[in-house]
Amino acid sequence: MGEEPVQRVKVWDGWIRLVHWGIVSLIGVSWVSMRTGNLEAHYVSGYAVLTLLLFRIAWGVAGSDTARFTRFLRSPLVALRHLAHLRRREPDTEIGHNAAGGWMVLVLLGLLLVQAGSGLFANHEPGMTYDAHGPLALRVSDATSSWLTGVHHLTFNLILAAAGLHIVAVLAYHVLKGQDLIGPMLTGFKSLPARLAPPRMGSPVLAAAFLTAAALAVWGITRLG
């Protein structure tokens, strides 16, 4: 028998790729700005991350098929079975996130939400490289702000660890399974068996509305201090 025919399919819309690469870039900006004491850039990058996260949550409910949480979140047992076959070299037939990747997305989104949310309440502590506070820091007690500042710094380290694990997994899929996960997230397209139906892409108008609403929500939050 000949090889199964394949077709080039759009699996990731531009909005998902914007969130993915936007957050990657903004995490870098947040780290550099913290190390250099550029608080204005640090907070702006944090607000941008929170905006993208709020948009991603909305898009995960009513966006493209491959963006929806209900489409890619499967039971932990299914994820473990998937990882058990990591060393099996086989064609990529996943239209969106695989079972294990879906849980990694959820973990990263959760950590990023904690990071951005705690940053809103973070405050200066002696010995830190900057002297400022988040827009909501004065709305809580000093003890609460101090605790959330600690959460903010701890969560950043957890994000780096999770991101490192994610990179290792992507490389493992390339080396062990012969599957390219980076290219589709750059271009939006991947080659899939022709028998698979392409995913439905979400409305650009709805996506723009969600992104605008998220930006306005974050702007409103920053004015509560």
N, C-alpha and C. Protein backbone atom coordinates (compact mmCIF):
# COMPACT_ATOMS: atom_id res chain seq x y z
N MET A 1 0.83 -1.20 0.00
CA MET A 1 0.00 0.00 0.00
C MET A 1 0.87 1.25 0.00
N GLY A 2 0.42 2.29 -0.74
CA GLY A 2 1.15 3.54 -0.77
C GLY A 2 0.92 4.35 0.49
N GLU A 3 1.68 5.43 0.60
CA GLU A 3 1.52 6.29 1.75
C GLU A 3 0.18 7.00 1.71
N GLU A 4 -0.36 7.27 2.87
CA GLU A 4 -1.65 7.96 2.97
C GLU A 4 -1.50 9.39 2.46
N PRO A 5 -2.41 9.85 1.58
CA PRO A 5 -2.31 11.22 1.07
C PRO A 5 -2.48 12.24 2.19
N VAL A 6 -1.75 13.33 2.05
CA VAL A 6 -1.81 14.39 3.06
C VAL A 6 -2.22 15.69 2.41
N GLN A 7 -2.66 16.62 3.23
CA GLN A 7 -3.01 17.94 2.76
C GLN A 7 -2.49 18.98 3.74
N ARG A 8 -2.24 20.18 3.23
CA ARG A 8 -1.78 21.27 4.09
C ARG A 8 -2.99 21.93 4.71
N VAL A 9 -3.05 21.91 6.04
CA VAL A 9 -4.23 22.36 6.76
C VAL A 9 -3.87 23.48 7.72
N LYS A 10 -4.72 24.49 7.78
CA LYS A 10 -4.52 25.55 8.77
C LYS A 10 -5.07 25.07 10.10
N VAL A 11 -4.19 24.95 11.09
CA VAL A 11 -4.61 24.44 12.40
C VAL A 11 -4.57 25.51 13.49
N TRP A 12 -3.72 26.53 13.32
CA TRP A 12 -3.62 27.59 14.33
C TRP A 12 -3.93 28.94 13.69
N ASP A 13 -4.93 29.63 14.22
CA ASP A 13 -5.24 30.95 13.69
C ASP A 13 -4.20 31.96 14.17
N GLY A 14 -4.22 33.13 13.58
CA GLY A 14 -3.26 34.17 13.94
C GLY A 14 -3.40 34.65 15.37
N TRP A 15 -4.58 34.53 15.93
CA TRP A 15 -4.82 34.99 17.31
C TRP A 15 -4.10 34.09 18.31
N ILE A 16 -4.17 32.79 18.09
CA ILE A 16 -3.47 31.85 18.98
C ILE A 16 -1.97 32.08 18.88
N ARG A 17 -1.49 32.28 17.66
CA ARG A 17 -0.05 32.51 17.49
C ARG A 17 0.36 33.84 18.10
N LEU A 18 -0.51 34.84 18.05
CA LEU A 18 -0.23 36.12 18.69
C LEU A 18 -0.07 35.94 20.19
N VAL A 19 -0.98 35.19 20.81
CA VAL A 19 -0.89 34.94 22.25
C VAL A 19 0.38 34.18 22.59
N HIS A 20 0.65 33.12 21.82
CA HIS A 20 1.82 32.28 22.10
C HIS A 20 3.12 33.07 22.03
N TRP A 21 3.40 33.66 20.88
CA TRP A 21 4.67 34.35 20.70
C TRP A 21 4.69 35.70 21.41
N GLY A 22 3.52 36.31 21.58
CA GLY A 22 3.46 37.57 22.32
C GLY A 22 3.86 37.36 23.77
N ILE A 23 3.33 36.32 24.40
CA ILE A 23 3.67 36.05 25.79
C ILE A 23 5.13 35.65 25.93
N VAL A 24 5.63 34.86 24.99
CA VAL A 24 7.05 34.50 25.02
C VAL A 24 7.92 35.75 25.02
N SER A 25 7.60 36.69 24.13
CA SER A 25 8.38 37.93 24.04
C SER A 25 8.22 38.78 25.30
N LEU A 26 6.98 38.88 25.79
CA LEU A 26 6.72 39.74 26.95
C LEU A 26 7.35 39.21 28.23
N ILE A 27 7.43 37.89 28.36
CA ILE A 27 8.12 37.32 29.53
C ILE A 27 9.58 37.75 29.51
N GLY A 28 10.18 37.74 28.33
CA GLY A 28 11.56 38.22 28.21
C GLY A 28 11.68 39.69 28.58
N VAL A 29 10.74 40.50 28.12
CA VAL A 29 10.74 41.93 28.45
C VAL A 29 10.57 42.12 29.96
N SER A 30 9.68 41.35 30.56
CA SER A 30 9.45 41.47 32.00
C SER A 30 10.71 41.15 32.80
N TRP A 31 11.41 40.10 32.38
CA TRP A 31 12.62 39.71 33.10
C TRP A 31 13.72 40.76 32.96
N VAL A 32 13.95 41.22 31.73
CA VAL A 32 15.01 42.21 31.49
C VAL A 32 14.68 43.51 32.21
N SER A 33 13.43 43.95 32.12
CA SER A 33 13.05 45.22 32.75
C SER A 33 13.15 45.15 34.27
N MET A 34 12.88 43.98 34.85
CA MET A 34 13.03 43.83 36.29
C MET A 34 14.50 43.90 36.69
N ARG A 35 15.34 43.23 35.90
CA ARG A 35 16.77 43.21 36.21
C ARG A 35 17.41 44.58 36.05
N THR A 36 16.90 45.38 35.13
CA THR A 36 17.49 46.70 34.87
C THR A 36 16.78 47.81 35.63
N GLY A 37 15.71 47.47 36.36
CA GLY A 37 15.01 48.47 37.14
C GLY A 37 14.09 49.37 36.34
N ASN A 38 13.76 48.96 35.12
CA ASN A 38 12.85 49.76 34.29
C ASN A 38 11.41 49.36 34.64
N LEU A 39 10.89 49.99 35.69
CA LEU A 39 9.57 49.59 36.20
C LEU A 39 8.45 49.90 35.22
N GLU A 40 8.56 50.99 34.49
CA GLU A 40 7.49 51.33 33.54
C GLU A 40 7.33 50.22 32.52
N ALA A 41 8.45 49.76 31.95
CA ALA A 41 8.38 48.67 30.97
C ALA A 41 7.91 47.38 31.62
N HIS A 42 8.32 47.15 32.87
CA HIS A 42 7.94 45.93 33.57
C HIS A 42 6.43 45.85 33.75
N TYR A 43 5.83 46.95 34.19
CA TYR A 43 4.39 46.93 34.42
C TYR A 43 3.61 46.91 33.10
N VAL A 44 4.07 47.63 32.11
CA VAL A 44 3.39 47.61 30.81
C VAL A 44 3.40 46.21 30.22
N SER A 45 4.53 45.53 30.32
CA SER A 45 4.60 44.16 29.79
C SER A 45 3.69 43.23 30.59
N GLY A 46 3.60 43.45 31.90
CA GLY A 46 2.69 42.65 32.71
C GLY A 46 1.24 42.87 32.33
N TYR A 47 0.87 44.14 32.09
CA TYR A 47 -0.50 44.43 31.67
C TYR A 47 -0.80 43.79 30.31
N ALA A 48 0.21 43.80 29.43
CA ALA A 48 0.01 43.19 28.11
C ALA A 48 -0.17 41.68 28.23
N VAL A 49 0.60 41.05 29.13
CA VAL A 49 0.45 39.61 29.35
C VAL A 49 -0.95 39.31 29.87
N LEU A 50 -1.42 40.09 30.83
CA LEU A 50 -2.76 39.87 31.39
C LEU A 50 -3.83 40.06 30.33
N THR A 51 -3.65 41.03 29.46
CA THR A 51 -4.60 41.25 28.36
C THR A 51 -4.67 40.02 27.46
N LEU A 52 -3.51 39.50 27.08
CA LEU A 52 -3.48 38.32 26.22
C LEU A 52 -4.07 37.10 26.91
N LEU A 53 -3.85 36.99 28.20
CA LEU A 53 -4.41 35.84 28.94
C LEU A 53 -5.93 35.90 28.99
N LEU A 54 -6.47 37.09 29.28
CA LEU A 54 -7.92 37.23 29.32
C LEU A 54 -8.52 36.95 27.95
N PHE A 55 -7.85 37.44 26.91
CA PHE A 55 -8.31 37.13 25.56
C PHE A 55 -8.26 35.63 25.29
N ARG A 56 -7.16 34.98 25.72
CA ARG A 56 -7.01 33.54 25.46
C ARG A 56 -8.10 32.73 26.14
N ILE A 57 -8.51 33.15 27.32
CA ILE A 57 -9.58 32.44 28.02
C ILE A 57 -10.89 32.57 27.24
N ALA A 58 -11.19 33.79 26.80
CA ALA A 58 -12.41 34.00 26.02
C ALA A 58 -12.35 33.23 24.70
N TRP A 59 -11.20 33.26 24.06
CA TRP A 59 -11.03 32.57 22.77
C TRP A 59 -11.06 31.06 22.96
N GLY A 60 -10.69 30.62 24.15
CA GLY A 60 -10.75 29.19 24.45
C GLY A 60 -12.16 28.70 24.68
N VAL A 61 -13.09 29.62 24.84
CA VAL A 61 -14.49 29.27 25.01
C VAL A 61 -15.27 29.39 23.71
N ALA A 62 -14.99 30.45 22.94
CA ALA A 62 -15.81 30.73 21.76
C ALA A 62 -14.98 30.99 20.51
N GLY A 63 -13.72 30.53 20.48
CA GLY A 63 -12.88 30.79 19.33
C GLY A 63 -12.79 29.65 18.34
N SER A 64 -11.67 29.56 17.66
CA SER A 64 -11.44 28.50 16.68
C SER A 64 -11.48 27.13 17.35
N ASP A 65 -11.77 26.10 16.57
CA ASP A 65 -11.85 24.74 17.11
C ASP A 65 -10.60 24.37 17.90
N THR A 66 -9.43 24.63 17.34
CA THR A 66 -8.19 24.22 17.99
C THR A 66 -7.85 25.07 19.20
N ALA A 67 -8.54 26.19 19.37
CA ALA A 67 -8.31 27.06 20.53
C ALA A 67 -9.19 26.68 21.71
N ARG A 68 -10.28 25.98 21.46
CA ARG A 68 -11.28 25.72 22.50
C ARG A 68 -10.80 24.66 23.49
N PHE A 69 -10.96 24.99 24.77
CA PHE A 69 -10.54 24.07 25.82
C PHE A 69 -11.29 22.74 25.73
N THR A 70 -12.54 22.78 25.36
CA THR A 70 -13.34 21.55 25.29
C THR A 70 -12.86 20.63 24.19
N ARG A 71 -12.11 21.16 23.22
CA ARG A 71 -11.64 20.34 22.10
C ARG A 71 -10.30 19.65 22.39
N PHE A 72 -9.47 20.25 23.28
CA PHE A 72 -8.15 19.63 23.45
C PHE A 72 -7.87 19.13 24.87
N LEU A 73 -8.72 19.46 25.84
CA LEU A 73 -8.50 18.94 27.18
C LEU A 73 -9.13 17.56 27.32
N ARG A 74 -8.29 16.57 27.55
CA ARG A 74 -8.75 15.21 27.76
C ARG A 74 -8.31 14.72 29.14
N SER A 75 -8.73 13.56 29.53
CA SER A 75 -8.45 13.09 30.89
C SER A 75 -6.94 12.91 31.09
N PRO A 76 -6.47 13.06 32.34
CA PRO A 76 -5.05 12.83 32.61
C PRO A 76 -4.59 11.44 32.19
N LEU A 77 -5.47 10.46 32.27
CA LEU A 77 -5.11 9.09 31.88
C LEU A 77 -4.78 9.02 30.39
N VAL A 78 -5.58 9.73 29.58
CA VAL A 78 -5.31 9.77 28.15
C VAL A 78 -3.97 10.46 27.88
N ALA A 79 -3.68 11.50 28.64
CA ALA A 79 -2.40 12.20 28.48
C ALA A 79 -1.23 11.28 28.82
N LEU A 80 -1.38 10.50 29.88
CA LEU A 80 -0.32 9.57 30.27
C LEU A 80 -0.12 8.48 29.22
N ARG A 81 -1.22 8.00 28.66
CA ARG A 81 -1.11 6.99 27.59
C ARG A 81 -0.37 7.58 26.39
N HIS A 82 -0.68 8.84 26.10
CA HIS A 82 -0.02 9.51 24.97
C HIS A 82 1.49 9.60 25.21
N LEU A 83 1.88 9.98 26.42
CA LEU A 83 3.30 10.11 26.74
C LEU A 83 4.00 8.75 26.72
N ALA A 84 3.26 7.69 27.01
CA ALA A 84 3.85 6.35 27.00
C ALA A 84 4.32 5.95 25.61
N HIS A 85 3.76 6.59 24.59
CA HIS A 85 4.12 6.30 23.20
C HIS A 85 5.08 7.34 22.61
N LEU A 86 5.72 8.11 23.50
CA LEU A 86 6.58 9.20 23.04
C LEU A 86 7.71 8.71 22.14
N ARG A 87 8.22 7.50 22.40
CA ARG A 87 9.36 7.00 21.63
C ARG A 87 8.93 6.29 20.35
N ARG A 88 7.63 6.26 20.10
CA ARG A 88 7.14 5.60 18.89
C ARG A 88 7.15 6.61 17.73
N ARG A 89 7.94 6.34 16.72
CA ARG A 89 8.03 7.25 15.57
C ARG A 89 6.81 7.02 14.68
N GLU A 90 6.01 8.06 14.49
CA GLU A 90 4.76 7.92 13.74
C GLU A 90 4.34 9.28 13.18
N PRO A 91 3.51 9.28 12.13
CA PRO A 91 3.05 10.54 11.55
C PRO A 91 2.22 11.33 12.55
N ASP A 92 2.26 12.63 12.40
CA ASP A 92 1.48 13.51 13.26
C ASP A 92 0.06 13.61 12.71
N THR A 93 -0.91 13.13 13.49
CA THR A 93 -2.31 13.20 13.06
C THR A 93 -3.14 14.09 13.98
N GLU A 94 -2.47 14.82 14.87
CA GLU A 94 -3.19 15.71 15.79
C GLU A 94 -3.52 17.02 15.08
N ILE A 95 -4.79 17.37 15.08
CA ILE A 95 -5.20 18.62 14.44
C ILE A 95 -4.80 19.82 15.29
N GLY A 96 -4.91 19.69 16.61
CA GLY A 96 -4.51 20.77 17.51
C GLY A 96 -3.54 20.25 18.54
N HIS A 97 -3.74 20.61 19.81
CA HIS A 97 -2.89 20.11 20.88
C HIS A 97 -3.12 18.62 21.09
N ASN A 98 -2.06 17.89 21.34
CA ASN A 98 -2.24 16.49 21.71
C ASN A 98 -2.67 16.42 23.18
N ALA A 99 -2.96 15.21 23.66
CA ALA A 99 -3.51 15.05 25.01
C ALA A 99 -2.60 15.59 26.09
N ALA A 100 -1.29 15.38 25.94
CA ALA A 100 -0.34 15.89 26.94
C ALA A 100 -0.13 17.39 26.78
N GLY A 101 -0.06 17.85 25.54
CA GLY A 101 0.15 19.27 25.28
C GLY A 101 -0.99 20.12 25.80
N GLY A 102 -2.21 19.57 25.77
CA GLY A 102 -3.36 20.31 26.27
C GLY A 102 -3.22 20.63 27.74
N TRP A 103 -2.71 19.67 28.52
CA TRP A 103 -2.52 19.91 29.94
C TRP A 103 -1.38 20.89 30.20
N MET A 104 -0.36 20.85 29.36
CA MET A 104 0.73 21.81 29.50
C MET A 104 0.23 23.23 29.25
N VAL A 105 -0.65 23.38 28.27
CA VAL A 105 -1.26 24.69 28.00
C VAL A 105 -2.00 25.18 29.23
N LEU A 106 -2.78 24.29 29.85
CA LEU A 106 -3.56 24.67 31.02
C LEU A 106 -2.65 25.07 32.18
N VAL A 107 -1.58 24.33 32.39
CA VAL A 107 -0.64 24.64 33.47
C VAL A 107 0.02 26.00 33.23
N LEU A 108 0.47 26.24 32.01
CA LEU A 108 1.13 27.50 31.71
C LEU A 108 0.17 28.67 31.84
N LEU A 109 -1.05 28.52 31.36
CA LEU A 109 -2.03 29.60 31.49
C LEU A 109 -2.32 29.89 32.96
N GLY A 110 -2.44 28.83 33.77
CA GLY A 110 -2.69 29.01 35.19
C GLY A 110 -1.55 29.75 35.88
N LEU A 111 -0.31 29.34 35.59
CA LEU A 111 0.85 29.99 36.19
C LEU A 111 0.95 31.46 35.76
N LEU A 112 0.70 31.70 34.50
CA LEU A 112 0.78 33.07 33.99
C LEU A 112 -0.30 33.96 34.60
N LEU A 113 -1.49 33.40 34.82
CA LEU A 113 -2.54 34.17 35.47
C LEU A 113 -2.17 34.51 36.91
N VAL A 114 -1.60 33.55 37.62
CA VAL A 114 -1.14 33.82 38.99
C VAL A 114 -0.04 34.87 38.97
N GLN A 115 0.88 34.77 38.02
CA GLN A 115 1.97 35.72 37.92
C GLN A 115 1.47 37.14 37.65
N ALA A 116 0.61 37.27 36.65
CA ALA A 116 0.10 38.60 36.31
C ALA A 116 -0.82 39.14 37.40
N GLY A 117 -1.65 38.27 37.97
CA GLY A 117 -2.56 38.71 39.01
C GLY A 117 -1.84 39.13 40.27
N SER A 118 -0.86 38.37 40.71
CA SER A 118 -0.11 38.73 41.91
C SER A 118 0.70 40.00 41.70
N GLY A 119 1.15 40.23 40.46
CA GLY A 119 1.91 41.44 40.17
C GLY A 119 1.09 42.71 40.38
N LEU A 120 -0.21 42.62 40.24
CA LEU A 120 -1.07 43.78 40.46
C LEU A 120 -1.02 44.24 41.91
N PHE A 121 -0.71 43.31 42.83
CA PHE A 121 -0.70 43.61 44.26
C PHE A 121 0.71 43.67 44.84
N ALA A 122 1.73 43.44 43.99
CA ALA A 122 3.10 43.37 44.48
C ALA A 122 3.58 44.72 44.95
N ASN A 123 4.50 44.71 45.90
CA ASN A 123 5.03 45.94 46.47
C ASN A 123 6.54 45.82 46.64
N HIS A 124 7.15 46.95 46.90
CA HIS A 124 8.60 46.97 47.09
C HIS A 124 8.96 46.33 48.42
N GLU A 125 10.08 45.58 48.40
CA GLU A 125 10.64 45.05 49.63
C GLU A 125 12.13 45.37 49.65
N PRO A 126 12.71 45.56 50.83
CA PRO A 126 14.15 45.87 50.90
C PRO A 126 14.99 44.83 50.18
N GLY A 127 15.99 45.32 49.46
CA GLY A 127 16.89 44.41 48.76
C GLY A 127 16.47 44.09 47.35
N MET A 128 15.25 44.47 46.95
CA MET A 128 14.81 44.21 45.58
C MET A 128 15.36 45.27 44.66
N THR A 129 15.34 45.00 43.35
CA THR A 129 16.00 45.88 42.40
C THR A 129 15.11 47.03 41.93
N TYR A 130 13.90 47.13 42.46
CA TYR A 130 13.03 48.23 42.06
C TYR A 130 12.23 48.73 43.25
N ASP A 131 11.71 49.90 43.12
CA ASP A 131 10.99 50.54 44.22
C ASP A 131 9.68 51.10 43.68
N ALA A 132 8.66 50.28 43.63
CA ALA A 132 7.35 50.68 43.14
C ALA A 132 6.36 49.62 43.58
N HIS A 133 5.10 49.82 43.25
CA HIS A 133 4.10 48.83 43.63
C HIS A 133 3.08 48.68 42.52
N GLY A 134 2.41 47.52 42.52
CA GLY A 134 1.36 47.28 41.55
C GLY A 134 0.18 48.19 41.80
N PRO A 135 -0.69 48.33 40.81
CA PRO A 135 -1.80 49.27 40.92
C PRO A 135 -2.81 48.96 42.03
N LEU A 136 -2.82 47.71 42.49
CA LEU A 136 -3.78 47.33 43.54
C LEU A 136 -3.11 47.07 44.89
N ALA A 137 -1.81 47.33 44.98
CA ALA A 137 -1.07 47.02 46.20
C ALA A 137 -1.60 47.77 47.41
N LEU A 138 -2.03 49.01 47.21
CA LEU A 138 -2.49 49.82 48.34
C LEU A 138 -3.92 49.47 48.76
N ARG A 139 -4.57 48.58 48.02
CA ARG A 139 -5.93 48.16 48.37
C ARG A 139 -5.95 46.96 49.30
N VAL A 140 -4.77 46.41 49.60
CA VAL A 140 -4.66 45.29 50.54
C VAL A 140 -3.68 45.66 51.63
N SER A 141 -3.63 44.86 52.67
CA SER A 141 -2.71 45.13 53.77
C SER A 141 -1.27 44.93 53.33
N ASP A 142 -0.34 45.50 54.10
CA ASP A 142 1.08 45.34 53.79
C ASP A 142 1.48 43.87 53.81
N ALA A 143 0.91 43.12 54.76
CA ALA A 143 1.24 41.70 54.87
C ALA A 143 0.77 40.94 53.64
N THR A 144 -0.44 41.25 53.17
CA THR A 144 -0.97 40.58 51.99
C THR A 144 -0.16 40.93 50.76
N SER A 145 0.17 42.22 50.64
CA SER A 145 0.98 42.66 49.50
C SER A 145 2.34 41.98 49.51
N SER A 146 2.94 41.87 50.71
CA SER A 146 4.24 41.22 50.83
C SER A 146 4.15 39.75 50.43
N TRP A 147 3.07 39.08 50.87
CA TRP A 147 2.89 37.67 50.54
C TRP A 147 2.72 37.49 49.03
N LEU A 148 1.92 38.35 48.41
CA LEU A 148 1.69 38.25 46.97
C LEU A 148 2.94 38.60 46.18
N THR A 149 3.78 39.47 46.75
CA THR A 149 5.06 39.76 46.09
C THR A 149 5.92 38.50 46.04
N GLY A 150 5.92 37.75 47.16
CA GLY A 150 6.65 36.49 47.18
C GLY A 150 6.08 35.49 46.18
N VAL A 151 4.74 35.42 46.11
CA VAL A 151 4.08 34.55 45.13
C VAL A 151 4.49 34.94 43.72
N HIS A 152 4.56 36.25 43.47
CA HIS A 152 4.91 36.77 42.15
C HIS A 152 6.29 36.27 41.72
N HIS A 153 7.25 36.33 42.63
CA HIS A 153 8.61 35.91 42.28
C HIS A 153 8.73 34.40 42.19
N LEU A 154 8.07 33.68 43.09
CA LEU A 154 8.11 32.22 43.03
C LEU A 154 7.47 31.71 41.74
N THR A 155 6.34 32.30 41.38
CA THR A 155 5.62 31.84 40.19
C THR A 155 6.45 32.06 38.93
N PHE A 156 7.22 33.14 38.90
CA PHE A 156 8.06 33.37 37.72
C PHE A 156 9.04 32.22 37.53
N ASN A 157 9.62 31.73 38.64
CA ASN A 157 10.54 30.59 38.55
C ASN A 157 9.81 29.33 38.08
N LEU A 158 8.58 29.16 38.54
CA LEU A 158 7.79 28.01 38.10
C LEU A 158 7.46 28.10 36.61
N ILE A 159 7.22 29.32 36.14
CA ILE A 159 6.95 29.53 34.72
C ILE A 159 8.18 29.15 33.90
N LEU A 160 9.35 29.56 34.36
CA LEU A 160 10.58 29.22 33.64
C LEU A 160 10.77 27.70 33.60
N ALA A 161 10.47 27.04 34.72
CA ALA A 161 10.61 25.58 34.77
C ALA A 161 9.62 24.92 33.81
N ALA A 162 8.37 25.38 33.82
CA ALA A 162 7.36 24.81 32.92
C ALA A 162 7.70 25.08 31.47
N ALA A 163 8.19 26.29 31.18
CA ALA A 163 8.58 26.62 29.81
C ALA A 163 9.75 25.75 29.36
N GLY A 164 10.70 25.52 30.27
CA GLY A 164 11.82 24.64 29.94
C GLY A 164 11.36 23.22 29.64
N LEU A 165 10.41 22.72 30.43
CA LEU A 165 9.85 21.39 30.18
C LEU A 165 9.13 21.35 28.84
N HIS A 166 8.44 22.43 28.54
CA HIS A 166 7.72 22.52 27.26
C HIS A 166 8.70 22.45 26.08
N ILE A 167 9.81 23.17 26.20
CA ILE A 167 10.82 23.18 25.13
C ILE A 167 11.43 21.79 24.97
N VAL A 168 11.72 21.14 26.10
CA VAL A 168 12.27 19.78 26.04
C VAL A 168 11.29 18.83 25.36
N ALA A 169 10.00 18.97 25.68
CA ALA A 169 8.99 18.10 25.06
C ALA A 169 8.92 18.33 23.56
N VAL A 170 8.96 19.60 23.14
CA VAL A 170 8.92 19.91 21.71
C VAL A 170 10.11 19.29 20.99
N LEU A 171 11.29 19.40 21.60
CA LEU A 171 12.48 18.80 21.00
C LEU A 171 12.38 17.28 20.97
N ALA A 172 11.81 16.69 22.03
CA ALA A 172 11.65 15.24 22.08
C ALA A 172 10.72 14.76 20.97
N TYR A 173 9.65 15.50 20.72
CA TYR A 173 8.73 15.11 19.64
C TYR A 173 9.45 15.17 18.30
N HIS A 174 10.35 16.14 18.15
CA HIS A 174 11.08 16.26 16.88
C HIS A 174 12.07 15.12 16.71
N VAL A 175 12.81 14.81 17.77
CA VAL A 175 13.87 13.80 17.68
C VAL A 175 13.30 12.38 17.71
N LEU A 176 12.39 12.11 18.64
CA LEU A 176 11.91 10.75 18.84
C LEU A 176 10.76 10.37 17.91
N LYS A 177 9.87 11.31 17.65
CA LYS A 177 8.69 10.99 16.85
C LYS A 177 8.76 11.56 15.43
N GLY A 178 9.73 12.43 15.18
CA GLY A 178 9.86 13.02 13.86
C GLY A 178 8.74 14.00 13.55
N GLN A 179 8.21 14.67 14.58
CA GLN A 179 7.09 15.59 14.40
C GLN A 179 7.53 17.02 14.71
N ASP A 180 7.18 17.91 13.81
CA ASP A 180 7.54 19.33 13.94
C ASP A 180 6.38 20.07 14.60
N LEU A 181 6.59 20.55 15.82
CA LEU A 181 5.55 21.31 16.52
C LEU A 181 5.79 22.81 16.46
N ILE A 182 7.01 23.21 16.09
CA ILE A 182 7.33 24.64 16.06
C ILE A 182 6.84 25.29 14.77
N GLY A 183 7.07 24.61 13.64
CA GLY A 183 6.68 25.17 12.36
C GLY A 183 5.21 25.57 12.29
N PRO A 184 4.29 24.69 12.68
CA PRO A 184 2.87 25.05 12.63
C PRO A 184 2.52 26.24 13.51
N MET A 185 3.21 26.40 14.65
CA MET A 185 2.92 27.55 15.51
C MET A 185 3.49 28.84 14.93
N LEU A 186 4.42 28.71 13.99
CA LEU A 186 4.94 29.88 13.30
C LEU A 186 4.09 30.24 12.09
N THR A 187 3.72 29.24 11.31
CA THR A 187 3.00 29.48 10.06
C THR A 187 1.49 29.31 10.18
N GLY A 188 1.06 28.52 11.15
CA GLY A 188 -0.36 28.21 11.30
C GLY A 188 -0.77 26.95 10.57
N PHE A 189 0.10 26.40 9.73
CA PHE A 189 -0.25 25.24 8.89
C PHE A 189 0.57 24.01 9.24
N LYS A 190 -0.02 22.84 9.00
CA LYS A 190 0.72 21.59 9.12
C LYS A 190 0.15 20.60 8.11
N SER A 191 0.95 19.61 7.78
CA SER A 191 0.51 18.57 6.85
C SER A 191 -0.16 17.45 7.63
N LEU A 192 -1.41 17.14 7.25
CA LEU A 192 -2.20 16.13 7.94
C LEU A 192 -2.81 15.17 6.92
N PRO A 193 -3.18 13.96 7.35
CA PRO A 193 -3.85 13.04 6.43
C PRO A 193 -5.09 13.69 5.82
N ALA A 194 -5.28 13.47 4.52
CA ALA A 194 -6.38 14.10 3.80
C ALA A 194 -7.75 13.68 4.34
N ARG A 195 -7.79 12.55 5.04
CA ARG A 195 -9.08 12.07 5.57
C ARG A 195 -9.58 12.91 6.74
N LEU A 196 -8.70 13.72 7.34
CA LEU A 196 -9.09 14.51 8.50
C LEU A 196 -9.71 15.84 8.05
N ALA A 197 -10.84 16.19 8.66
CA ALA A 197 -11.51 17.45 8.32
C ALA A 197 -10.76 18.63 8.94
N PRO A 198 -10.53 19.69 8.19
CA PRO A 198 -9.85 20.87 8.73
C PRO A 198 -10.67 21.49 9.86
N PRO A 199 -10.01 22.06 10.86
CA PRO A 199 -10.74 22.69 11.96
C PRO A 199 -11.40 24.00 11.51
N ARG A 200 -12.46 24.37 12.17
CA ARG A 200 -13.13 25.63 11.87
C ARG A 200 -12.38 26.77 12.54
N MET A 201 -12.12 27.82 11.78
CA MET A 201 -11.46 28.99 12.33
C MET A 201 -12.50 29.98 12.86
N GLY A 202 -12.19 30.64 13.95
CA GLY A 202 -13.11 31.57 14.57
C GLY A 202 -13.23 32.89 13.81
N SER A 203 -14.22 33.67 14.16
CA SER A 203 -14.48 34.96 13.51
C SER A 203 -13.43 35.99 13.91
N PRO A 204 -12.77 36.64 12.94
CA PRO A 204 -11.81 37.68 13.26
C PRO A 204 -12.46 38.87 13.97
N VAL A 205 -13.70 39.15 13.63
CA VAL A 205 -14.41 40.25 14.28
C VAL A 205 -14.63 39.95 15.75
N LEU A 206 -15.03 38.71 16.04
CA LEU A 206 -15.23 38.31 17.43
C LEU A 206 -13.91 38.34 18.19
N ALA A 207 -12.85 37.88 17.55
CA ALA A 207 -11.53 37.88 18.19
C ALA A 207 -11.10 39.31 18.51
N ALA A 208 -11.28 40.23 17.56
CA ALA A 208 -10.91 41.62 17.79
C ALA A 208 -11.74 42.22 18.93
N ALA A 209 -13.01 41.84 19.00
CA ALA A 209 -13.87 42.33 20.08
C ALA A 209 -13.40 41.79 21.43
N PHE A 210 -13.04 40.51 21.48
CA PHE A 210 -12.53 39.91 22.71
C PHE A 210 -11.24 40.60 23.16
N LEU A 211 -10.34 40.83 22.20
CA LEU A 211 -9.05 41.44 22.54
C LEU A 211 -9.25 42.88 23.04
N THR A 212 -10.15 43.60 22.40
CA THR A 212 -10.44 44.97 22.84
C THR A 212 -11.05 44.97 24.24
N ALA A 213 -11.98 44.06 24.48
CA ALA A 213 -12.61 43.97 25.80
C ALA A 213 -11.58 43.61 26.87
N ALA A 214 -10.65 42.70 26.54
CA ALA A 214 -9.61 42.32 27.49
C ALA A 214 -8.72 43.51 27.82
N ALA A 215 -8.35 44.26 26.80
CA ALA A 215 -7.50 45.44 27.00
C ALA A 215 -8.21 46.48 27.87
N LEU A 216 -9.48 46.69 27.62
CA LEU A 216 -10.25 47.65 28.41
C LEU A 216 -10.39 47.18 29.85
N ALA A 217 -10.58 45.88 30.03
CA ALA A 217 -10.69 45.34 31.39
C ALA A 217 -9.40 45.56 32.18
N VAL A 218 -8.27 45.30 31.54
CA VAL A 218 -6.98 45.50 32.21
C VAL A 218 -6.76 46.98 32.49
N TRP A 219 -7.11 47.83 31.54
CA TRP A 219 -6.99 49.28 31.75
C TRP A 219 -7.84 49.70 32.94
N GLY A 220 -9.05 49.17 33.05
CA GLY A 220 -9.91 49.50 34.17
C GLY A 220 -9.32 49.04 35.49
N ILE A 221 -8.73 47.85 35.51
CA ILE A 221 -8.12 47.32 36.72
C ILE A 221 -6.99 48.23 37.20
N THR A 222 -6.18 48.70 36.25
CA THR A 222 -5.03 49.53 36.63
C THR A 222 -5.47 50.89 37.18
N ARG A 223 -6.72 51.26 36.95
CA ARG A 223 -7.22 52.55 37.45
C ARG A 223 -7.91 52.43 38.80
N LEU A 224 -7.92 51.22 39.36
CA LEU A 224 -8.59 51.01 40.65
C LEU A 224 -7.72 51.37 41.84
N GLY A 225 -6.42 51.50 41.59
CA GLY A 225 -5.51 51.75 42.70
C GLY A 225 -5.66 53.13 43.30
